Amino acid sequence: MEEMNQTAQEEMAEEILDERVTKADDDNLENNAEHIAEDNKEKTGQEEMKETEKSAQEELPHEKKSRFGKKKKDKKEEKIEELTDRLKRQMAEFENFRKRTDKEKSRMYEIGAKEVIEKILPIVDNFERGLAAVPKEESENSFVGGMNMVYKQMVAALEELGVKPIETVGKEFNPDLHNAVMHVEEEEAGDNTVVEEFQKGYTYKDHVVRHSMVKVAN
């Protein structure tokens, strides 16, 4: 009987010990699982922070966002835009300066050419007067023929430069082209019509070099 009681007590003691060991193992497993979950959570959080920092670093060189979500340019881009705008303005100013200089040069050339033409025109007038005074019987003279050739060559050179005579006789009087030095009553001619030319006028590239001296019918 005593042996049976002792055996039962030993079995109960072993069961209690097994329960405590099992419980301790379960507690250890739970603790290990909690630690593992926390470690995984920390690793996941660290990885997310690294990804966020990486994205921020990639985004930073290109653009920054303000509190209101608007894109803010960095100093480098602002400097580039400032220099680009300054370059465009300087190029526009230089282009305007070039056009203005070309226009002034062209104007100076025209003024200089006009002065030369004004000095040549009296020579042309003398050629015309001299050739007009030659008698018909001497028109075949070699000297007269040579003078006529020089006159025609001079007129052709002036035409190539853009010098043209102003049309007068039979045309309506134009104060921008003609200088009326005499007025006559002519029934056959219309009113305000040029009936005679005293001195030929010329234009140079649509600019009047010398007005024509004319007689106008009233």
N, C-alpha and C. Protein backbone atom coordinates (compact mmCIF):
# COMPACT_ATOMS: atom_id res chain seq x y z
N MET A 1 0.83 -1.21 0.00
CA MET A 1 0.00 0.00 0.00
C MET A 1 0.85 1.25 0.00
N GLU A 2 1.81 1.23 0.80
CA GLU A 2 2.72 2.38 0.88
C GLU A 2 3.46 2.52 -0.44
N GLU A 3 3.80 1.37 -1.05
CA GLU A 3 4.51 1.44 -2.33
C GLU A 3 3.61 2.04 -3.40
N MET A 4 2.33 1.70 -3.38
CA MET A 4 1.40 2.26 -4.36
C MET A 4 1.26 3.76 -4.19
N ASN A 5 1.17 4.24 -2.94
CA ASN A 5 1.04 5.69 -2.69
C ASN A 5 2.28 6.42 -3.17
N GLN A 6 3.42 5.84 -2.93
CA GLN A 6 4.68 6.48 -3.33
C GLN A 6 4.75 6.57 -4.84
N THR A 7 4.32 5.46 -5.48
CA THR A 7 4.34 5.45 -6.96
C THR A 7 3.41 6.52 -7.54
N ALA A 8 2.20 6.64 -6.90
CA ALA A 8 1.23 7.65 -7.36
C ALA A 8 1.77 9.04 -7.18
N GLN A 9 2.44 9.28 -6.03
CA GLN A 9 3.01 10.62 -5.77
C GLN A 9 4.09 10.94 -6.80
N GLU A 10 4.90 9.94 -7.13
CA GLU A 10 5.97 10.19 -8.11
C GLU A 10 5.38 10.52 -9.48
N GLU A 11 4.31 9.78 -9.84
CA GLU A 11 3.68 10.05 -11.13
C GLU A 11 3.09 11.44 -11.17
N MET A 12 2.46 11.86 -10.02
CA MET A 12 1.87 13.21 -9.98
C MET A 12 2.96 14.27 -10.07
N ALA A 13 4.05 14.00 -9.40
CA ALA A 13 5.17 14.96 -9.44
C ALA A 13 5.71 15.10 -10.85
N GLU A 14 5.81 13.95 -11.55
CA GLU A 14 6.31 14.00 -12.93
C GLU A 14 5.35 14.76 -13.84
N GLU A 15 4.01 14.54 -13.60
CA GLU A 15 3.04 15.28 -14.43
C GLU A 15 3.12 16.78 -14.21
N ILE A 16 3.25 17.14 -12.91
CA ILE A 16 3.36 18.58 -12.59
C ILE A 16 4.60 19.16 -13.23
N LEU A 17 5.71 18.42 -13.16
CA LEU A 17 6.97 18.90 -13.75
C LEU A 17 6.85 19.03 -15.26
N ASP A 18 6.16 18.02 -15.88
CA ASP A 18 5.98 18.11 -17.35
C ASP A 18 5.14 19.32 -17.74
N GLU A 19 4.08 19.59 -16.91
CA GLU A 19 3.24 20.75 -17.21
C GLU A 19 4.03 22.05 -17.12
N ARG A 20 4.88 22.12 -16.05
CA ARG A 20 5.67 23.35 -15.89
C ARG A 20 6.68 23.52 -17.04
N VAL A 21 7.27 22.42 -17.46
CA VAL A 21 8.23 22.49 -18.57
C VAL A 21 7.53 22.91 -19.87
N THR A 22 6.33 22.29 -20.09
CA THR A 22 5.57 22.63 -21.30
C THR A 22 5.16 24.09 -21.31
N LYS A 23 4.70 24.57 -20.11
CA LYS A 23 4.31 25.97 -20.00
C LYS A 23 5.49 26.89 -20.24
N ALA A 24 6.64 26.48 -19.67
CA ALA A 24 7.85 27.31 -19.85
C ALA A 24 8.24 27.35 -21.32
N ASP A 25 8.10 26.19 -22.00
CA ASP A 25 8.43 26.17 -23.43
C ASP A 25 7.49 27.05 -24.24
N ASP A 26 6.18 26.96 -23.84
CA ASP A 26 5.21 27.80 -24.55
C ASP A 26 5.52 29.28 -24.35
N ASP A 27 5.84 29.62 -23.08
CA ASP A 27 6.18 31.03 -22.80
C ASP A 27 7.39 31.46 -23.60
N ASN A 28 8.37 30.58 -23.65
CA ASN A 28 9.58 30.92 -24.43
C ASN A 28 9.26 31.11 -25.91
N LEU A 29 8.38 30.22 -26.44
CA LEU A 29 8.01 30.35 -27.85
C LEU A 29 7.29 31.65 -28.11
N GLU A 30 6.35 31.99 -27.16
CA GLU A 30 5.62 33.25 -27.34
C GLU A 30 6.56 34.44 -27.29
N ASN A 31 7.49 34.40 -26.31
CA ASN A 31 8.45 35.51 -26.20
C ASN A 31 9.32 35.61 -27.44
N ASN A 32 9.75 34.41 -27.91
CA ASN A 32 10.58 34.42 -29.12
C ASN A 32 9.81 34.96 -30.32
N ALA A 33 8.54 34.55 -30.41
CA ALA A 33 7.71 35.03 -31.53
C ALA A 33 7.52 36.54 -31.46
N GLU A 34 7.30 37.04 -30.21
CA GLU A 34 7.13 38.49 -30.05
C GLU A 34 8.41 39.21 -30.43
N HIS A 35 9.54 38.66 -29.99
CA HIS A 35 10.83 39.30 -30.33
C HIS A 35 11.07 39.29 -31.83
N ILE A 36 10.74 38.14 -32.44
CA ILE A 36 10.92 38.04 -33.88
C ILE A 36 10.03 39.05 -34.61
N ALA A 37 8.77 39.19 -34.17
CA ALA A 37 7.85 40.14 -34.79
C ALA A 37 8.35 41.56 -34.62
N GLU A 38 8.84 41.87 -33.39
CA GLU A 38 9.36 43.22 -33.17
C GLU A 38 10.57 43.49 -34.04
N ASP A 39 11.46 42.45 -34.15
CA ASP A 39 12.65 42.62 -35.00
C ASP A 39 12.25 42.86 -36.45
N ASN A 40 11.27 42.06 -36.91
CA ASN A 40 10.81 42.24 -38.29
C ASN A 40 10.19 43.62 -38.50
N LYS A 41 9.44 44.06 -37.46
CA LYS A 41 8.81 45.38 -37.54
C LYS A 41 9.86 46.48 -37.61
N GLU A 42 10.90 46.34 -36.77
CA GLU A 42 11.96 47.34 -36.77
C GLU A 42 12.69 47.35 -38.11
N LYS A 43 12.97 46.12 -38.64
CA LYS A 43 13.64 46.04 -39.93
C LYS A 43 12.80 46.67 -41.03
N THR A 44 11.47 46.36 -40.99
CA THR A 44 10.58 46.92 -42.00
C THR A 44 10.54 48.44 -41.91
N GLY A 45 10.47 48.96 -40.67
CA GLY A 45 10.47 50.42 -40.47
C GLY A 45 11.76 51.04 -40.96
N GLN A 46 12.89 50.39 -40.68
CA GLN A 46 14.18 50.92 -41.13
C GLN A 46 14.27 50.92 -42.65
N GLU A 47 13.76 49.82 -43.27
CA GLU A 47 13.78 49.76 -44.72
C GLU A 47 12.89 50.85 -45.33
N GLU A 48 11.71 51.08 -44.74
CA GLU A 48 10.83 52.13 -45.25
C GLU A 48 11.47 53.50 -45.11
N MET A 49 12.17 53.73 -43.96
CA MET A 49 12.85 55.01 -43.78
C MET A 49 13.95 55.19 -44.82
N LYS A 50 14.69 54.11 -45.10
CA LYS A 50 15.75 54.20 -46.10
C LYS A 50 15.18 54.51 -47.47
N GLU A 51 14.04 53.84 -47.82
CA GLU A 51 13.42 54.10 -49.11
C GLU A 51 12.94 55.55 -49.21
N THR A 52 12.38 56.06 -48.10
CA THR A 52 11.90 57.44 -48.09
C THR A 52 13.06 58.42 -48.27
N GLU A 53 14.15 58.16 -47.54
CA GLU A 53 15.33 59.03 -47.67
C GLU A 53 15.89 58.98 -49.09
N LYS A 54 15.93 57.77 -49.67
CA LYS A 54 16.44 57.63 -51.02
C LYS A 54 15.58 58.40 -52.01
N SER A 55 14.24 58.31 -51.88
CA SER A 55 13.34 59.03 -52.77
C SER A 55 13.52 60.53 -52.62
N ALA A 56 13.69 60.98 -51.36
CA ALA A 56 13.87 62.40 -51.11
C ALA A 56 15.17 62.90 -51.73
N GLN A 57 16.24 62.09 -51.63
CA GLN A 57 17.52 62.48 -52.21
C GLN A 57 17.44 62.53 -53.73
N GLU A 58 16.69 61.61 -54.33
CA GLU A 58 16.55 61.63 -55.79
C GLU A 58 15.70 62.81 -56.24
N GLU A 59 14.75 63.20 -55.45
CA GLU A 59 13.86 64.29 -55.83
C GLU A 59 14.47 65.65 -55.58
N LEU A 60 15.37 65.75 -54.58
CA LEU A 60 15.92 67.03 -54.14
C LEU A 60 16.68 67.77 -55.23
N PRO A 61 17.58 67.13 -56.01
CA PRO A 61 18.32 67.90 -56.99
C PRO A 61 17.46 68.50 -58.08
N HIS A 62 16.28 67.93 -58.34
CA HIS A 62 15.45 68.40 -59.43
C HIS A 62 14.47 69.46 -58.97
N GLU A 63 13.81 69.22 -57.86
CA GLU A 63 12.80 70.17 -57.44
C GLU A 63 12.47 69.98 -55.96
N LYS A 64 12.05 71.04 -55.34
CA LYS A 64 11.64 71.01 -53.94
C LYS A 64 10.19 71.46 -53.85
N LYS A 65 9.51 70.91 -52.89
CA LYS A 65 8.11 71.24 -52.74
C LYS A 65 7.93 72.11 -51.50
N SER A 66 7.12 73.13 -51.64
CA SER A 66 6.82 74.02 -50.53
C SER A 66 5.71 73.43 -49.69
N ARG A 67 5.33 74.16 -48.66
CA ARG A 67 4.28 73.68 -47.77
C ARG A 67 2.96 73.52 -48.47
N PHE A 68 2.74 74.34 -49.51
CA PHE A 68 1.46 74.30 -50.21
C PHE A 68 1.48 73.37 -51.40
N GLY A 69 2.53 72.59 -51.57
CA GLY A 69 2.60 71.61 -52.64
C GLY A 69 3.11 72.15 -53.95
N LYS A 70 3.53 73.43 -54.03
CA LYS A 70 4.05 74.00 -55.25
C LYS A 70 5.52 73.65 -55.40
N LYS A 71 5.95 73.48 -56.67
CA LYS A 71 7.33 73.14 -56.94
C LYS A 71 8.21 74.38 -56.77
N LYS A 72 9.31 74.21 -56.11
CA LYS A 72 10.24 75.31 -55.87
C LYS A 72 11.56 75.00 -56.57
N LYS A 73 12.02 75.91 -57.43
CA LYS A 73 13.23 75.70 -58.18
C LYS A 73 14.45 75.93 -57.29
N ASP A 74 15.49 75.17 -57.54
CA ASP A 74 16.69 75.35 -56.76
C ASP A 74 17.49 76.52 -57.32
N LYS A 75 18.54 76.90 -56.63
CA LYS A 75 19.31 78.09 -56.99
C LYS A 75 20.00 77.93 -58.33
N LYS A 76 20.42 76.70 -58.64
CA LYS A 76 21.12 76.48 -59.90
C LYS A 76 20.20 76.76 -61.08
N GLU A 77 18.96 76.25 -61.03
CA GLU A 77 18.03 76.47 -62.12
C GLU A 77 17.66 77.95 -62.24
N GLU A 78 17.50 78.63 -61.10
CA GLU A 78 17.18 80.05 -61.12
C GLU A 78 18.32 80.84 -61.76
N LYS A 79 19.55 80.46 -61.45
CA LYS A 79 20.71 81.15 -62.03
C LYS A 79 20.78 80.92 -63.53
N ILE A 80 20.51 79.68 -63.96
CA ILE A 80 20.52 79.38 -65.39
C ILE A 80 19.46 80.20 -66.12
N GLU A 81 18.26 80.28 -65.56
CA GLU A 81 17.19 81.05 -66.19
C GLU A 81 17.55 82.53 -66.24
N GLU A 82 18.16 83.03 -65.18
CA GLU A 82 18.57 84.44 -65.15
C GLU A 82 19.60 84.74 -66.23
N LEU A 83 20.60 83.87 -66.37
CA LEU A 83 21.64 84.07 -67.38
C LEU A 83 21.07 83.92 -68.79
N THR A 84 20.14 82.96 -68.96
CA THR A 84 19.52 82.78 -70.27
C THR A 84 18.71 84.00 -70.67
N ASP A 85 17.95 84.54 -69.72
CA ASP A 85 17.15 85.75 -69.99
C ASP A 85 18.06 86.93 -70.32
N ARG A 86 19.16 87.06 -69.58
CA ARG A 86 20.10 88.16 -69.84
C ARG A 86 20.72 88.02 -71.23
N LEU A 87 21.06 86.78 -71.61
CA LEU A 87 21.65 86.54 -72.92
C LEU A 87 20.66 86.90 -74.04
N LYS A 88 19.39 86.51 -73.86
CA LYS A 88 18.38 86.83 -74.86
C LYS A 88 18.22 88.34 -75.02
N ARG A 89 18.23 89.06 -73.91
CA ARG A 89 18.09 90.52 -73.99
C ARG A 89 19.28 91.14 -74.70
N GLN A 90 20.49 90.67 -74.38
CA GLN A 90 21.67 91.22 -75.03
C GLN A 90 21.68 90.92 -76.52
N MET A 91 21.23 89.71 -76.90
CA MET A 91 21.16 89.37 -78.32
C MET A 91 20.14 90.25 -79.04
N ALA A 92 19.00 90.53 -78.38
CA ALA A 92 17.99 91.40 -78.99
C ALA A 92 18.53 92.83 -79.13
N GLU A 93 19.23 93.32 -78.11
CA GLU A 93 19.82 94.65 -78.18
C GLU A 93 20.87 94.73 -79.29
N PHE A 94 21.68 93.67 -79.41
CA PHE A 94 22.70 93.67 -80.46
C PHE A 94 22.05 93.65 -81.84
N GLU A 95 20.97 92.89 -82.00
CA GLU A 95 20.28 92.83 -83.29
C GLU A 95 19.70 94.20 -83.65
N ASN A 96 19.11 94.89 -82.66
CA ASN A 96 18.58 96.23 -82.91
C ASN A 96 19.71 97.20 -83.27
N PHE A 97 20.84 97.06 -82.57
CA PHE A 97 22.00 97.92 -82.86
C PHE A 97 22.51 97.66 -84.27
N ARG A 98 22.56 96.39 -84.68
CA ARG A 98 23.04 96.05 -86.02
C ARG A 98 22.12 96.63 -87.08
N LYS A 99 20.80 96.49 -86.89
CA LYS A 99 19.86 97.03 -87.86
C LYS A 99 19.96 98.55 -87.93
N ARG A 100 20.09 99.19 -86.76
CA ARG A 100 20.20 100.64 -86.75
C ARG A 100 21.49 101.10 -87.43
N THR A 101 22.58 100.37 -87.19
CA THR A 101 23.86 100.71 -87.82
C THR A 101 23.79 100.53 -89.33
N ASP A 102 23.19 99.42 -89.78
CA ASP A 102 23.05 99.20 -91.23
C ASP A 102 22.21 100.30 -91.87
N LYS A 103 21.16 100.71 -91.18
CA LYS A 103 20.29 101.76 -91.71
C LYS A 103 21.05 103.08 -91.80
N GLU A 104 21.85 103.38 -90.76
CA GLU A 104 22.64 104.62 -90.77
C GLU A 104 23.69 104.58 -91.87
N LYS A 105 24.33 103.42 -92.05
CA LYS A 105 25.33 103.29 -93.11
C LYS A 105 24.69 103.50 -94.48
N SER A 106 23.52 102.87 -94.68
CA SER A 106 22.82 103.02 -95.96
C SER A 106 22.44 104.48 -96.19
N ARG A 107 22.00 105.13 -95.13
CA ARG A 107 21.61 106.54 -95.26
C ARG A 107 22.82 107.41 -95.58
N MET A 108 23.94 107.14 -94.89
CA MET A 108 25.15 107.90 -95.16
C MET A 108 25.63 107.67 -96.59
N TYR A 109 25.50 106.44 -97.07
CA TYR A 109 25.90 106.14 -98.44
C TYR A 109 25.02 106.90 -99.43
N GLU A 110 23.72 106.92 -99.17
CA GLU A 110 22.81 107.64 -100.06
C GLU A 110 23.09 109.13 -100.05
N ILE A 111 23.38 109.66 -98.85
CA ILE A 111 23.69 111.10 -98.77
C ILE A 111 24.96 111.42 -99.54
N GLY A 112 25.99 110.55 -99.37
CA GLY A 112 27.24 110.76 -100.09
C GLY A 112 27.05 110.64 -101.59
N ALA A 113 26.29 109.63 -102.01
CA ALA A 113 26.04 109.45 -103.44
C ALA A 113 25.24 110.61 -104.00
N LYS A 114 24.30 111.10 -103.21
CA LYS A 114 23.48 112.23 -103.67
C LYS A 114 24.34 113.47 -103.89
N GLU A 115 25.29 113.70 -103.00
CA GLU A 115 26.17 114.86 -103.16
C GLU A 115 27.02 114.75 -104.42
N VAL A 116 27.51 113.53 -104.69
CA VAL A 116 28.32 113.32 -105.91
C VAL A 116 27.46 113.53 -107.15
N ILE A 117 26.23 113.01 -107.14
CA ILE A 117 25.34 113.13 -108.29
C ILE A 117 25.00 114.59 -108.54
N GLU A 118 24.76 115.35 -107.47
CA GLU A 118 24.45 116.77 -107.63
C GLU A 118 25.58 117.53 -108.33
N LYS A 119 26.83 117.07 -108.09
CA LYS A 119 27.98 117.73 -108.74
C LYS A 119 28.16 117.28 -110.19
N ILE A 120 27.68 116.07 -110.50
CA ILE A 120 27.81 115.56 -111.87
C ILE A 120 26.72 116.11 -112.78
N LEU A 121 25.55 116.38 -112.24
CA LEU A 121 24.42 116.80 -113.07
C LEU A 121 24.71 118.06 -113.88
N PRO A 122 25.38 119.08 -113.33
CA PRO A 122 25.69 120.24 -114.19
C PRO A 122 26.56 119.89 -115.39
N ILE A 123 27.44 118.89 -115.23
CA ILE A 123 28.26 118.45 -116.36
C ILE A 123 27.37 117.82 -117.43
N VAL A 124 26.39 117.01 -116.98
CA VAL A 124 25.44 116.41 -117.92
C VAL A 124 24.65 117.50 -118.63
N ASP A 125 24.25 118.55 -117.90
CA ASP A 125 23.52 119.66 -118.51
C ASP A 125 24.36 120.33 -119.59
N ASN A 126 25.64 120.53 -119.34
CA ASN A 126 26.52 121.17 -120.33
C ASN A 126 26.68 120.30 -121.58
N PHE A 127 26.77 118.98 -121.38
CA PHE A 127 26.83 118.09 -122.54
C PHE A 127 25.57 118.24 -123.39
N GLU A 128 24.42 118.27 -122.72
CA GLU A 128 23.15 118.37 -123.45
C GLU A 128 23.05 119.71 -124.19
N ARG A 129 23.46 120.80 -123.55
CA ARG A 129 23.41 122.11 -124.21
C ARG A 129 24.37 122.16 -125.40
N GLY A 130 25.57 121.61 -125.18
CA GLY A 130 26.54 121.63 -126.28
C GLY A 130 26.08 120.81 -127.46
N LEU A 131 25.54 119.63 -127.21
CA LEU A 131 25.08 118.78 -128.31
C LEU A 131 23.85 119.37 -128.99
N ALA A 132 23.01 120.07 -128.23
CA ALA A 132 21.82 120.69 -128.82
C ALA A 132 22.19 121.87 -129.70
N ALA A 133 23.34 122.51 -129.43
CA ALA A 133 23.76 123.68 -130.23
C ALA A 133 24.53 123.31 -131.48
N VAL A 134 24.82 122.05 -131.69
CA VAL A 134 25.57 121.62 -132.88
C VAL A 134 24.67 121.70 -134.10
N PRO A 135 25.10 122.37 -135.16
CA PRO A 135 24.30 122.42 -136.39
C PRO A 135 24.13 121.02 -136.99
N LYS A 136 23.05 120.86 -137.74
CA LYS A 136 22.75 119.55 -138.33
C LYS A 136 23.84 119.11 -139.30
N GLU A 137 24.42 120.06 -140.04
CA GLU A 137 25.44 119.68 -141.01
C GLU A 137 26.73 119.18 -140.36
N GLU A 138 26.91 119.51 -139.07
CA GLU A 138 28.11 119.07 -138.36
C GLU A 138 27.83 117.89 -137.41
N SER A 139 26.63 117.35 -137.43
CA SER A 139 26.28 116.26 -136.52
C SER A 139 27.04 114.98 -136.83
N GLU A 140 27.55 114.85 -138.08
CA GLU A 140 28.31 113.68 -138.46
C GLU A 140 29.80 113.84 -138.19
N ASN A 141 30.17 114.97 -137.63
CA ASN A 141 31.58 115.22 -137.30
C ASN A 141 32.05 114.21 -136.26
N SER A 142 33.31 113.73 -136.42
CA SER A 142 33.84 112.72 -135.50
C SER A 142 33.95 113.25 -134.07
N PHE A 143 34.28 114.54 -133.96
CA PHE A 143 34.38 115.12 -132.61
C PHE A 143 33.02 115.15 -131.93
N VAL A 144 32.02 115.59 -132.69
CA VAL A 144 30.65 115.62 -132.14
C VAL A 144 30.19 114.21 -131.80
N GLY A 145 30.53 113.24 -132.65
CA GLY A 145 30.16 111.85 -132.37
C GLY A 145 30.82 111.32 -131.11
N GLY A 146 32.08 111.68 -130.90
CA GLY A 146 32.78 111.26 -129.68
C GLY A 146 32.16 111.88 -128.44
N MET A 147 31.79 113.17 -128.52
CA MET A 147 31.16 113.83 -127.37
C MET A 147 29.79 113.19 -127.06
N ASN A 148 29.09 112.84 -128.12
CA ASN A 148 27.78 112.20 -127.94
C ASN A 148 27.93 110.84 -127.27
N MET A 149 28.96 110.10 -127.64
CA MET A 149 29.22 108.79 -127.02
C MET A 149 29.58 108.95 -125.54
N VAL A 150 30.38 109.95 -125.20
CA VAL A 150 30.72 110.19 -123.79
C VAL A 150 29.48 110.56 -122.99
N TYR A 151 28.62 111.39 -123.59
CA TYR A 151 27.37 111.78 -122.93
C TYR A 151 26.49 110.57 -122.66
N LYS A 152 26.32 109.72 -123.65
CA LYS A 152 25.48 108.53 -123.47
C LYS A 152 26.08 107.58 -122.43
N GLN A 153 27.39 107.46 -122.41
CA GLN A 153 28.04 106.59 -121.41
C GLN A 153 27.81 107.12 -120.01
N MET A 154 27.88 108.44 -119.86
CA MET A 154 27.65 109.04 -118.55
C MET A 154 26.21 108.84 -118.09
N VAL A 155 25.26 109.03 -118.98
CA VAL A 155 23.85 108.84 -118.65
C VAL A 155 23.57 107.39 -118.27
N ALA A 156 24.18 106.44 -119.00
CA ALA A 156 23.99 105.02 -118.71
C ALA A 156 24.55 104.67 -117.33
N ALA A 157 25.71 105.25 -116.99
CA ALA A 157 26.31 104.99 -115.67
C ALA A 157 25.42 105.53 -114.56
N LEU A 158 24.83 106.69 -114.76
CA LEU A 158 23.92 107.26 -113.76
C LEU A 158 22.67 106.40 -113.60
N GLU A 159 22.16 105.89 -114.71
CA GLU A 159 20.98 105.02 -114.64
C GLU A 159 21.29 103.74 -113.87
N GLU A 160 22.49 103.18 -114.06
CA GLU A 160 22.87 101.98 -113.31
C GLU A 160 22.95 102.24 -111.82
N LEU A 161 23.28 103.47 -111.44
CA LEU A 161 23.35 103.83 -110.02
C LEU A 161 21.97 104.10 -109.43
N GLY A 162 20.95 104.20 -110.28
CA GLY A 162 19.60 104.47 -109.80
C GLY A 162 19.15 105.89 -110.03
N VAL A 163 19.90 106.64 -110.86
CA VAL A 163 19.54 108.02 -111.17
C VAL A 163 18.65 108.03 -112.40
N LYS A 164 17.48 108.65 -112.29
CA LYS A 164 16.52 108.69 -113.39
C LYS A 164 16.02 110.11 -113.60
N PRO A 165 15.78 110.51 -114.84
CA PRO A 165 15.22 111.85 -115.10
C PRO A 165 13.73 111.88 -114.74
N ILE A 166 13.27 113.04 -114.32
CA ILE A 166 11.86 113.22 -113.94
C ILE A 166 11.07 113.58 -115.19
N GLU A 167 9.95 112.91 -115.39
CA GLU A 167 9.08 113.21 -116.53
C GLU A 167 8.34 114.52 -116.27
N THR A 168 8.26 115.35 -117.30
CA THR A 168 7.70 116.69 -117.09
C THR A 168 6.61 117.03 -118.12
N VAL A 169 7.01 117.28 -119.36
CA VAL A 169 6.09 117.81 -120.38
C VAL A 169 4.91 116.87 -120.58
N GLY A 170 3.70 117.45 -120.47
CA GLY A 170 2.47 116.69 -120.63
C GLY A 170 1.98 116.05 -119.34
N LYS A 171 2.78 116.11 -118.30
CA LYS A 171 2.38 115.54 -117.01
C LYS A 171 1.75 116.62 -116.12
N GLU A 172 0.96 116.16 -115.17
CA GLU A 172 0.35 117.09 -114.21
C GLU A 172 1.42 117.62 -113.26
N PHE A 173 1.32 118.90 -112.98
CA PHE A 173 2.31 119.53 -112.11
C PHE A 173 2.28 118.88 -110.71
N ASN A 174 3.47 118.51 -110.23
CA ASN A 174 3.62 117.89 -108.92
C ASN A 174 4.68 118.68 -108.14
N PRO A 175 4.29 119.39 -107.11
CA PRO A 175 5.27 120.22 -106.38
C PRO A 175 6.39 119.42 -105.73
N ASP A 176 6.17 118.10 -105.53
CA ASP A 176 7.22 117.26 -104.96
C ASP A 176 8.32 116.95 -105.98
N LEU A 177 7.98 117.10 -107.29
CA LEU A 177 8.94 116.79 -108.35
C LEU A 177 9.31 118.00 -109.19
N HIS A 178 8.38 118.94 -109.31
CA HIS A 178 8.56 120.06 -110.24
C HIS A 178 8.68 121.39 -109.48
N ASN A 179 9.42 122.29 -110.14
CA ASN A 179 9.55 123.66 -109.63
C ASN A 179 9.05 124.62 -110.72
N ALA A 180 7.85 125.15 -110.49
CA ALA A 180 7.22 126.02 -111.51
C ALA A 180 7.86 127.40 -111.46
N VAL A 181 8.49 127.79 -112.55
CA VAL A 181 9.13 129.11 -112.63
C VAL A 181 8.35 130.05 -113.55
N MET A 182 7.32 129.48 -114.22
CA MET A 182 6.52 130.32 -115.12
C MET A 182 5.15 129.69 -115.29
N HIS A 183 4.14 130.56 -115.38
CA HIS A 183 2.76 130.13 -115.62
C HIS A 183 2.25 130.83 -116.89
N VAL A 184 1.56 130.09 -117.74
CA VAL A 184 1.05 130.64 -118.99
C VAL A 184 -0.39 130.20 -119.19
N GLU A 185 -1.11 130.99 -120.02
CA GLU A 185 -2.47 130.64 -120.38
C GLU A 185 -2.43 129.84 -121.68
N GLU A 186 -2.83 128.60 -121.62
CA GLU A 186 -2.80 127.73 -122.80
C GLU A 186 -4.14 127.00 -122.86
N GLU A 187 -4.87 127.27 -123.94
CA GLU A 187 -6.17 126.63 -124.09
C GLU A 187 -6.03 125.16 -124.47
N GLU A 188 -5.02 124.86 -125.25
CA GLU A 188 -4.86 123.47 -125.70
C GLU A 188 -4.41 122.56 -124.55
N ALA A 189 -3.59 123.07 -123.66
CA ALA A 189 -3.12 122.27 -122.52
C ALA A 189 -4.14 122.33 -121.39
N GLY A 190 -4.19 121.27 -120.63
CA GLY A 190 -5.10 121.24 -119.50
C GLY A 190 -4.58 122.08 -118.35
N ASP A 191 -5.46 122.36 -117.41
CA ASP A 191 -5.06 123.14 -116.25
C ASP A 191 -4.03 122.36 -115.42
N ASN A 192 -3.08 123.13 -114.91
CA ASN A 192 -2.06 122.58 -114.02
C ASN A 192 -1.23 121.50 -114.72
N THR A 193 -0.98 121.72 -116.04
CA THR A 193 -0.20 120.78 -116.82
C THR A 193 1.14 121.41 -117.21
N VAL A 194 2.19 120.63 -117.17
CA VAL A 194 3.53 121.11 -117.55
C VAL A 194 3.61 121.17 -119.07
N VAL A 195 3.96 122.37 -119.59
CA VAL A 195 4.02 122.54 -121.04
C VAL A 195 5.45 122.69 -121.54
N GLU A 196 6.38 123.00 -120.68
CA GLU A 196 7.76 123.18 -121.13
C GLU A 196 8.72 122.91 -119.96
N GLU A 197 9.90 122.38 -120.29
CA GLU A 197 10.93 122.09 -119.29
C GLU A 197 12.16 122.96 -119.55
N PHE A 198 12.59 123.68 -118.52
CA PHE A 198 13.77 124.52 -118.65
C PHE A 198 15.05 123.82 -118.17
N GLN A 199 14.89 123.06 -117.15
CA GLN A 199 16.04 122.30 -116.63
C GLN A 199 15.53 120.93 -116.16
N LYS A 200 16.24 119.90 -116.59
CA LYS A 200 15.82 118.53 -116.28
C LYS A 200 16.07 118.22 -114.81
N GLY A 201 15.10 117.55 -114.20
CA GLY A 201 15.24 117.11 -112.82
C GLY A 201 15.54 115.62 -112.75
N TYR A 202 16.09 115.19 -111.61
CA TYR A 202 16.51 113.79 -111.45
C TYR A 202 16.13 113.27 -110.06
N THR A 203 15.92 111.95 -110.01
CA THR A 203 15.71 111.26 -108.74
C THR A 203 16.79 110.20 -108.55
N TYR A 204 17.10 109.93 -107.28
CA TYR A 204 18.06 108.87 -106.95
C TYR A 204 17.40 107.92 -105.96
N LYS A 205 17.09 106.71 -106.44
CA LYS A 205 16.41 105.71 -105.61
C LYS A 205 15.14 106.28 -104.97
N ASP A 206 14.32 106.87 -105.83
CA ASP A 206 13.02 107.43 -105.45
C ASP A 206 13.14 108.67 -104.56
N HIS A 207 14.33 109.23 -104.42
CA HIS A 207 14.52 110.48 -103.70
C HIS A 207 14.90 111.57 -104.70
N VAL A 208 14.28 112.72 -104.58
CA VAL A 208 14.55 113.81 -105.52
C VAL A 208 15.93 114.39 -105.25
N VAL A 209 16.77 114.38 -106.30
CA VAL A 209 18.09 114.99 -106.20
C VAL A 209 18.01 116.45 -106.65
N ARG A 210 17.24 116.66 -107.71
CA ARG A 210 17.05 118.03 -108.21
C ARG A 210 15.67 118.14 -108.84
N HIS A 211 14.92 119.18 -108.47
CA HIS A 211 13.59 119.39 -109.04
C HIS A 211 13.70 119.89 -110.47
N SER A 212 12.71 119.55 -111.26
CA SER A 212 12.66 120.05 -112.65
C SER A 212 12.13 121.47 -112.66
N MET A 213 12.78 122.32 -113.45
CA MET A 213 12.32 123.69 -113.64
C MET A 213 11.40 123.71 -114.87
N VAL A 214 10.13 124.06 -114.64
CA VAL A 214 9.13 123.89 -115.70
C VAL A 214 8.24 125.12 -115.85
N LYS A 215 7.51 125.10 -116.98
CA LYS A 215 6.47 126.09 -117.25
C LYS A 215 5.13 125.37 -117.14
N VAL A 216 4.19 125.97 -116.42
CA VAL A 216 2.91 125.32 -116.14
C VAL A 216 1.76 126.13 -116.74
N ALA A 217 0.81 125.39 -117.33
CA ALA A 217 -0.37 126.04 -117.91
C ALA A 217 -1.44 126.16 -116.82
N ASN A 218 -2.07 127.36 -116.80
CA ASN A 218 -3.13 127.60 -115.81
C ASN A 218 -4.48 127.11 -116.34
